[in-house]
């Protein structure tokens, strides 16, 4: 026998999905003379990378199975919302941080203008 009525599990799942979409709907990257600031959605999930900890920058293409969101990748971490293009930062501690972007050339130029690095 089936009972029809309000489904609490469905409601909770729906609320969690809406929250995830809200938190991960966009990726904002700001570059200034002190740091690179990367934030998802409204900025609750964010990362700040000091410019003086960046050893090398370069444009890379992510593998399709790396996915979207916050991901652990070989050697480090990746923040990505859409697409396969990214900027890879090699840090002085030996770790890698990738920032997914649909404008890799502009982001690379902005970062390199602050680090003094040229390709």
N, C-alpha and C. Protein backbone atom coordinates (compact mmCIF):
# COMPACT_ATOMS: atom_id res chain seq x y z
N UNK A 1 0.83 -1.17 0.00
CA UNK A 1 0.00 0.00 0.00
C UNK A 1 0.88 1.25 0.00
N UNK A 2 0.56 2.19 -0.83
CA UNK A 2 1.32 3.42 -0.95
C UNK A 2 0.59 4.57 -0.29
N UNK A 3 1.38 5.43 0.35
CA UNK A 3 0.81 6.65 0.92
C UNK A 3 1.32 7.83 0.12
N UNK A 4 0.43 8.69 -0.23
CA UNK A 4 0.81 9.90 -0.94
C UNK A 4 0.85 11.04 0.05
N UNK A 5 1.82 11.89 -0.11
CA UNK A 5 1.95 13.03 0.79
C UNK A 5 3.29 13.71 0.56
N UNK A 6 3.67 14.53 1.49
CA UNK A 6 4.92 15.28 1.37
C UNK A 6 6.11 14.33 1.53
N UNK A 7 7.06 14.44 0.65
CA UNK A 7 8.25 13.59 0.66
C UNK A 7 9.42 14.40 1.23
N UNK A 8 9.78 14.14 2.48
CA UNK A 8 10.86 14.88 3.13
C UNK A 8 12.20 14.62 2.49
N UNK A 9 12.46 13.41 2.12
CA UNK A 9 13.75 13.08 1.49
C UNK A 9 13.90 13.83 0.17
N UNK A 10 12.86 13.83 -0.62
CA UNK A 10 12.90 14.57 -1.89
C UNK A 10 13.11 16.06 -1.68
N UNK A 11 12.46 16.62 -0.66
CA UNK A 11 12.61 18.04 -0.36
C UNK A 11 14.03 18.38 0.07
N UNK A 12 14.62 17.54 0.92
CA UNK A 12 15.99 17.77 1.38
C UNK A 12 16.97 17.67 0.22
N UNK A 13 16.80 16.67 -0.63
CA UNK A 13 17.67 16.53 -1.79
C UNK A 13 17.54 17.74 -2.71
N UNK A 14 16.33 18.22 -2.92
CA UNK A 14 16.11 19.38 -3.77
C UNK A 14 16.78 20.63 -3.19
N UNK A 15 16.66 20.84 -1.89
CA UNK A 15 17.30 21.99 -1.24
C UNK A 15 18.82 21.90 -1.37
N UNK A 16 19.38 20.72 -1.16
CA UNK A 16 20.83 20.54 -1.30
C UNK A 16 21.30 20.81 -2.73
N UNK A 17 20.53 20.39 -3.70
CA UNK A 17 20.88 20.63 -5.11
C UNK A 17 20.85 22.13 -5.43
N UNK A 18 19.84 22.82 -4.96
CA UNK A 18 19.74 24.27 -5.19
C UNK A 18 20.90 24.99 -4.52
N UNK A 19 21.26 24.59 -3.31
CA UNK A 19 22.40 25.20 -2.61
C UNK A 19 23.70 24.97 -3.37
N UNK A 20 23.90 23.76 -3.86
CA UNK A 20 25.11 23.45 -4.63
C UNK A 20 25.18 24.28 -5.91
N UNK A 21 24.07 24.40 -6.60
CA UNK A 21 24.04 25.23 -7.81
C UNK A 21 24.34 26.68 -7.49
N UNK A 22 23.81 27.18 -6.40
CA UNK A 22 24.06 28.57 -6.00
C UNK A 22 25.53 28.79 -5.64
N UNK A 23 26.11 27.86 -4.91
CA UNK A 23 27.50 28.02 -4.46
C UNK A 23 28.52 27.84 -5.59
N UNK A 24 28.19 27.02 -6.59
CA UNK A 24 29.16 26.71 -7.63
C UNK A 24 28.75 27.19 -9.02
N UNK A 25 27.88 28.20 -9.11
CA UNK A 25 27.40 28.63 -10.43
C UNK A 25 28.39 29.48 -11.19
N UNK A 26 29.35 30.09 -10.53
CA UNK A 26 30.34 30.91 -11.22
C UNK A 26 31.67 30.85 -10.47
N UNK A 27 32.71 31.25 -11.17
CA UNK A 27 34.05 31.30 -10.59
C UNK A 27 34.61 32.68 -10.86
N UNK A 28 34.93 33.41 -9.81
CA UNK A 28 35.48 34.76 -9.93
C UNK A 28 36.95 34.72 -9.58
N UNK A 29 37.77 35.31 -10.46
CA UNK A 29 39.21 35.37 -10.23
C UNK A 29 39.63 36.84 -10.24
N UNK A 30 40.26 37.27 -9.16
CA UNK A 30 40.80 38.63 -9.08
C UNK A 30 42.30 38.54 -8.86
N UNK A 31 43.03 39.34 -9.63
CA UNK A 31 44.49 39.35 -9.53
C UNK A 31 44.91 40.76 -9.13
N UNK A 32 45.68 40.87 -8.05
CA UNK A 32 46.26 42.16 -7.69
C UNK A 32 47.73 41.97 -7.35
N UNK A 33 48.38 43.01 -6.89
CA UNK A 33 49.82 42.94 -6.68
C UNK A 33 50.23 42.02 -5.55
N UNK A 34 49.31 41.70 -4.65
CA UNK A 34 49.63 40.85 -3.50
C UNK A 34 49.22 39.39 -3.65
N UNK A 35 48.05 39.16 -4.28
CA UNK A 35 47.54 37.79 -4.32
C UNK A 35 46.58 37.57 -5.48
N UNK A 36 46.29 36.30 -5.70
CA UNK A 36 45.25 35.87 -6.62
C UNK A 36 44.11 35.36 -5.75
N UNK A 37 42.93 35.89 -5.97
CA UNK A 37 41.75 35.54 -5.18
C UNK A 37 40.79 34.79 -6.09
N UNK A 38 40.47 33.55 -5.73
CA UNK A 38 39.58 32.71 -6.53
C UNK A 38 38.38 32.35 -5.65
N UNK A 39 37.15 32.62 -6.15
CA UNK A 39 35.96 32.36 -5.34
C UNK A 39 34.85 31.78 -6.19
N UNK A 40 34.15 30.81 -5.63
CA UNK A 40 32.96 30.25 -6.27
C UNK A 40 31.74 31.04 -5.84
N UNK A 41 30.82 31.24 -6.78
CA UNK A 41 29.52 31.85 -6.50
C UNK A 41 29.62 33.13 -5.69
N UNK A 42 28.91 33.19 -4.54
CA UNK A 42 28.88 34.41 -3.74
C UNK A 42 30.15 34.63 -2.90
N UNK A 43 31.10 33.72 -2.94
CA UNK A 43 32.36 33.90 -2.22
C UNK A 43 32.49 33.13 -0.93
N UNK A 44 31.56 32.24 -0.63
CA UNK A 44 31.69 31.43 0.58
C UNK A 44 32.82 30.42 0.46
N UNK A 45 33.04 29.93 -0.75
CA UNK A 45 34.12 28.98 -1.01
C UNK A 45 35.18 29.73 -1.81
N UNK A 46 36.33 29.95 -1.20
CA UNK A 46 37.34 30.79 -1.83
C UNK A 46 38.75 30.35 -1.46
N UNK A 47 39.70 30.86 -2.23
CA UNK A 47 41.11 30.57 -1.97
C UNK A 47 41.91 31.80 -2.32
N UNK A 48 42.90 32.09 -1.50
CA UNK A 48 43.78 33.23 -1.73
C UNK A 48 45.20 32.69 -1.89
N UNK A 49 45.84 33.04 -3.00
CA UNK A 49 47.19 32.57 -3.28
C UNK A 49 48.12 33.78 -3.33
N UNK A 50 49.04 33.92 -2.38
CA UNK A 50 49.97 35.05 -2.42
C UNK A 50 50.85 34.99 -3.67
N UNK A 51 51.05 36.14 -4.29
CA UNK A 51 51.85 36.22 -5.52
C UNK A 51 53.27 35.70 -5.29
N UNK A 52 53.84 35.98 -4.11
CA UNK A 52 55.23 35.57 -3.86
C UNK A 52 55.40 34.06 -3.67
N UNK A 53 54.29 33.29 -3.67
CA UNK A 53 54.40 31.83 -3.58
C UNK A 53 54.31 31.15 -4.94
N UNK A 54 54.17 31.95 -6.01
CA UNK A 54 54.04 31.38 -7.36
C UNK A 54 55.42 31.31 -8.00
N UNK A 55 55.79 30.08 -8.39
CA UNK A 55 57.09 29.86 -9.02
C UNK A 55 56.99 29.90 -10.54
N UNK A 56 55.88 29.38 -11.09
CA UNK A 56 55.71 29.29 -12.54
C UNK A 56 54.23 29.30 -12.89
N UNK A 57 53.90 29.91 -14.03
CA UNK A 57 52.51 29.90 -14.52
C UNK A 57 52.50 29.43 -15.96
N UNK A 58 51.43 28.78 -16.34
CA UNK A 58 51.31 28.33 -17.73
C UNK A 58 49.88 27.96 -18.07
N UNK A 59 49.59 27.98 -19.36
CA UNK A 59 48.27 27.61 -19.86
C UNK A 59 48.26 26.11 -20.09
N UNK A 60 47.22 25.43 -19.62
CA UNK A 60 47.09 23.98 -19.78
C UNK A 60 45.68 23.63 -20.23
N UNK A 61 45.52 22.42 -20.68
CA UNK A 61 44.19 21.89 -21.04
C UNK A 61 43.92 20.71 -20.12
N UNK A 62 42.84 20.80 -19.36
CA UNK A 62 42.48 19.73 -18.43
C UNK A 62 41.95 18.52 -19.17
N UNK A 63 42.16 17.37 -18.59
CA UNK A 63 41.54 16.15 -19.12
C UNK A 63 40.05 16.22 -18.83
N UNK A 64 39.25 15.66 -19.71
CA UNK A 64 37.80 15.76 -19.57
C UNK A 64 37.31 15.14 -18.27
N UNK A 65 37.99 14.12 -17.78
CA UNK A 65 37.52 13.43 -16.58
C UNK A 65 37.94 14.13 -15.28
N UNK A 66 38.67 15.25 -15.37
CA UNK A 66 38.97 16.03 -14.16
C UNK A 66 37.71 16.68 -13.61
N UNK A 67 36.73 16.94 -14.47
CA UNK A 67 35.43 17.43 -14.02
C UNK A 67 35.40 18.90 -13.65
N UNK A 68 34.37 19.24 -12.87
CA UNK A 68 34.11 20.62 -12.49
C UNK A 68 33.99 20.73 -10.98
N UNK A 69 34.14 21.93 -10.47
CA UNK A 69 34.07 22.16 -9.03
C UNK A 69 35.46 22.20 -8.45
N UNK A 70 35.58 21.79 -7.20
CA UNK A 70 36.87 21.70 -6.54
C UNK A 70 37.34 20.27 -6.69
N UNK A 71 38.49 20.09 -7.29
CA UNK A 71 38.98 18.74 -7.59
C UNK A 71 40.42 18.58 -7.14
N UNK A 72 40.72 17.38 -6.67
CA UNK A 72 42.11 17.00 -6.45
C UNK A 72 42.62 16.43 -7.75
N UNK A 73 43.75 16.94 -8.20
CA UNK A 73 44.37 16.45 -9.42
C UNK A 73 45.77 16.00 -9.06
N UNK A 74 46.44 15.25 -9.93
CA UNK A 74 47.80 14.83 -9.61
C UNK A 74 48.70 16.03 -9.30
N UNK A 75 49.23 16.07 -8.09
CA UNK A 75 50.14 17.13 -7.69
C UNK A 75 49.48 18.34 -7.05
N UNK A 76 48.15 18.38 -7.00
CA UNK A 76 47.54 19.57 -6.41
C UNK A 76 46.04 19.61 -6.46
N UNK A 77 45.52 20.81 -6.73
CA UNK A 77 44.09 21.07 -6.64
C UNK A 77 43.66 21.91 -7.84
N UNK A 78 42.37 21.81 -8.19
CA UNK A 78 41.82 22.58 -9.30
C UNK A 78 40.47 23.15 -8.91
N UNK A 79 40.23 24.41 -9.30
CA UNK A 79 38.92 25.05 -9.21
C UNK A 79 38.46 25.27 -10.63
N UNK A 80 37.29 24.73 -11.00
CA UNK A 80 36.81 24.83 -12.37
C UNK A 80 35.29 24.85 -12.40
N UNK A 81 34.72 25.68 -13.28
CA UNK A 81 33.27 25.73 -13.44
C UNK A 81 32.84 25.17 -14.78
N UNK A 82 33.58 25.48 -15.84
CA UNK A 82 33.19 25.01 -17.17
C UNK A 82 34.41 24.97 -18.08
N UNK A 83 34.36 24.11 -19.06
CA UNK A 83 35.43 24.06 -20.05
C UNK A 83 36.64 23.26 -19.61
N UNK A 84 37.59 23.17 -20.52
CA UNK A 84 38.79 22.38 -20.27
C UNK A 84 40.05 23.23 -20.12
N UNK A 85 39.99 24.51 -20.49
CA UNK A 85 41.16 25.38 -20.40
C UNK A 85 41.38 25.83 -18.96
N UNK A 86 42.66 25.94 -18.59
CA UNK A 86 43.00 26.37 -17.23
C UNK A 86 44.37 27.02 -17.22
N UNK A 87 44.63 27.73 -16.14
CA UNK A 87 45.95 28.28 -15.87
C UNK A 87 46.52 27.47 -14.71
N UNK A 88 47.72 26.97 -14.91
CA UNK A 88 48.36 26.16 -13.87
C UNK A 88 49.39 27.01 -13.15
N UNK A 89 49.29 27.03 -11.84
CA UNK A 89 50.25 27.73 -10.99
C UNK A 89 51.09 26.69 -10.28
N UNK A 90 52.39 26.75 -10.46
CA UNK A 90 53.29 25.89 -9.69
C UNK A 90 53.79 26.74 -8.54
N UNK A 91 53.55 26.26 -7.34
CA UNK A 91 53.85 27.03 -6.14
C UNK A 91 55.20 26.64 -5.55
N UNK A 92 55.73 27.51 -4.70
CA UNK A 92 57.05 27.27 -4.11
C UNK A 92 57.06 26.05 -3.19
N UNK A 93 55.91 25.63 -2.69
CA UNK A 93 55.85 24.44 -1.83
C UNK A 93 55.78 23.14 -2.63
N UNK A 94 55.86 23.25 -3.98
CA UNK A 94 55.86 22.08 -4.85
C UNK A 94 54.48 21.65 -5.32
N UNK A 95 53.44 22.28 -4.82
CA UNK A 95 52.08 21.91 -5.22
C UNK A 95 51.65 22.66 -6.48
N UNK A 96 50.60 22.13 -7.10
CA UNK A 96 50.02 22.72 -8.30
C UNK A 96 48.62 23.20 -7.96
N UNK A 97 48.26 24.37 -8.51
CA UNK A 97 46.89 24.86 -8.38
C UNK A 97 46.43 25.30 -9.76
N UNK A 98 45.31 24.75 -10.23
CA UNK A 98 44.77 25.11 -11.54
C UNK A 98 43.49 25.90 -11.37
N UNK A 99 43.37 26.94 -12.21
CA UNK A 99 42.18 27.78 -12.23
C UNK A 99 41.54 27.61 -13.60
N UNK A 100 40.36 27.00 -13.65
CA UNK A 100 39.64 26.84 -14.91
C UNK A 100 39.10 28.17 -15.39
N UNK A 101 39.23 28.44 -16.70
CA UNK A 101 38.78 29.72 -17.25
C UNK A 101 38.41 29.58 -18.71
N UNK A 102 37.49 30.42 -19.16
CA UNK A 102 37.17 30.45 -20.59
C UNK A 102 37.99 31.51 -21.31
N UNK A 103 38.83 32.25 -20.57
CA UNK A 103 39.73 33.24 -21.15
C UNK A 103 41.14 33.03 -20.62
N UNK A 104 41.79 31.92 -20.99
CA UNK A 104 43.09 31.61 -20.40
C UNK A 104 44.18 32.63 -20.73
N UNK A 105 44.17 33.18 -21.94
CA UNK A 105 45.21 34.14 -22.31
C UNK A 105 45.14 35.41 -21.46
N UNK A 106 43.94 35.92 -21.25
CA UNK A 106 43.78 37.14 -20.43
C UNK A 106 44.18 36.89 -18.98
N UNK A 107 43.78 35.74 -18.43
CA UNK A 107 44.13 35.44 -17.04
C UNK A 107 45.63 35.24 -16.89
N UNK A 108 46.24 34.53 -17.83
CA UNK A 108 47.69 34.32 -17.78
C UNK A 108 48.43 35.65 -17.85
N UNK A 109 48.00 36.54 -18.73
CA UNK A 109 48.63 37.85 -18.86
C UNK A 109 48.49 38.66 -17.56
N UNK A 110 47.32 38.61 -16.94
CA UNK A 110 47.10 39.34 -15.69
C UNK A 110 48.00 38.81 -14.57
N UNK A 111 48.12 37.50 -14.48
CA UNK A 111 48.96 36.90 -13.43
C UNK A 111 50.42 37.21 -13.69
N UNK A 112 50.85 37.04 -14.94
CA UNK A 112 52.26 37.28 -15.26
C UNK A 112 52.64 38.75 -15.12
N UNK A 113 51.69 39.66 -15.29
CA UNK A 113 52.00 41.08 -15.10
C UNK A 113 52.31 41.37 -13.63
N UNK A 114 51.76 40.57 -12.72
CA UNK A 114 52.03 40.75 -11.30
C UNK A 114 53.25 39.97 -10.82
N UNK A 115 53.50 38.82 -11.43
CA UNK A 115 54.65 38.01 -11.00
C UNK A 115 55.94 38.43 -11.69
N UNK A 116 55.82 39.16 -12.80
CA UNK A 116 57.01 39.55 -13.56
C UNK A 116 57.51 38.46 -14.47
N UNK A 117 56.79 37.36 -14.54
CA UNK A 117 57.18 36.22 -15.38
C UNK A 117 56.72 36.44 -16.81
N UNK A 118 57.48 35.95 -17.75
CA UNK A 118 57.12 36.01 -19.17
C UNK A 118 57.30 34.64 -19.78
N UNK A 119 56.41 34.31 -20.73
CA UNK A 119 56.53 33.00 -21.39
C UNK A 119 57.43 33.08 -22.58
